Amino acid sequence: MGYRNRPTAASQFAPADLLQGILLVSSFGFWAVMLGLMPVLLFRVWLVG
């Protein structure tokens, strides 16, 4: 866990780009979960109805 003089890949990116990437990944994960659960929820509602 030694410190390096060369900049790492994470520190080369600007904080705004890093934040935008995190938002993009989180939103993609959110939509993936929503689209994955939607058929299950619709099927459950259809079974109950």
Protein backbone atom coordinates (compact mmCIF):
# COMPACT_ATOMS: atom_id res chain seq x y z
CA MET A 1 0.00 0.00 0.00
CA GLY A 2 2.81 2.37 -0.83
CA TYR A 3 2.24 5.81 -2.31
CA ARG A 4 3.25 6.34 -5.93
CA ASN A 5 4.69 9.49 -7.45
CA ARG A 6 2.96 8.78 -10.76
CA PRO A 7 -0.72 9.78 -10.91
CA THR A 8 -3.03 6.82 -10.86
CA ALA A 9 -5.87 6.33 -13.34
CA ALA A 10 -8.41 7.52 -10.77
CA SER A 11 -6.64 10.79 -10.01
CA GLN A 12 -6.19 11.61 -13.71
CA PHE A 13 -9.95 12.00 -14.14
CA ALA A 14 -11.63 15.16 -13.00
CA PRO A 15 -14.03 14.84 -10.05
CA ALA A 16 -16.91 15.96 -12.31
CA ASP A 17 -16.20 13.14 -14.76
CA LEU A 18 -15.96 10.67 -11.90
CA LEU A 19 -19.27 11.87 -10.49
CA GLN A 20 -20.89 11.68 -13.90
CA GLY A 21 -19.61 8.13 -14.34
CA ILE A 22 -20.96 7.11 -10.94
CA LEU A 23 -24.34 8.64 -11.75
CA LEU A 24 -24.38 6.86 -15.11
CA VAL A 25 -23.59 3.48 -13.58
CA SER A 26 -26.05 3.94 -10.72
CA SER A 27 -28.84 5.04 -13.05
CA PHE A 28 -28.10 2.12 -15.37
CA GLY A 29 -28.23 -0.28 -12.42
CA PHE A 30 -31.50 1.31 -11.28
CA TRP A 31 -33.12 0.88 -14.69
CA ALA A 32 -31.76 -2.66 -15.00
CA VAL A 33 -33.36 -3.57 -11.66
CA MET A 34 -36.61 -1.82 -12.58
CA LEU A 35 -36.85 -3.53 -15.98
CA GLY A 36 -35.92 -6.84 -14.38
CA LEU A 37 -38.58 -6.59 -11.66
CA MET A 38 -41.34 -5.15 -13.86
CA PRO A 39 -42.36 -8.47 -15.50
CA VAL A 40 -42.35 -10.18 -12.08
CA LEU A 41 -44.54 -7.48 -10.56
CA LEU A 42 -46.92 -7.51 -13.54
CA PHE A 43 -47.13 -11.30 -13.39
CA ARG A 44 -47.85 -11.21 -9.66
CA VAL A 45 -50.56 -8.56 -10.14
CA TRP A 46 -52.02 -10.64 -12.97
CA LEU A 47 -52.10 -13.73 -10.76
CA VAL A 48 -53.75 -11.87 -7.89
CA GLY A 49 -56.27 -10.21 -10.21
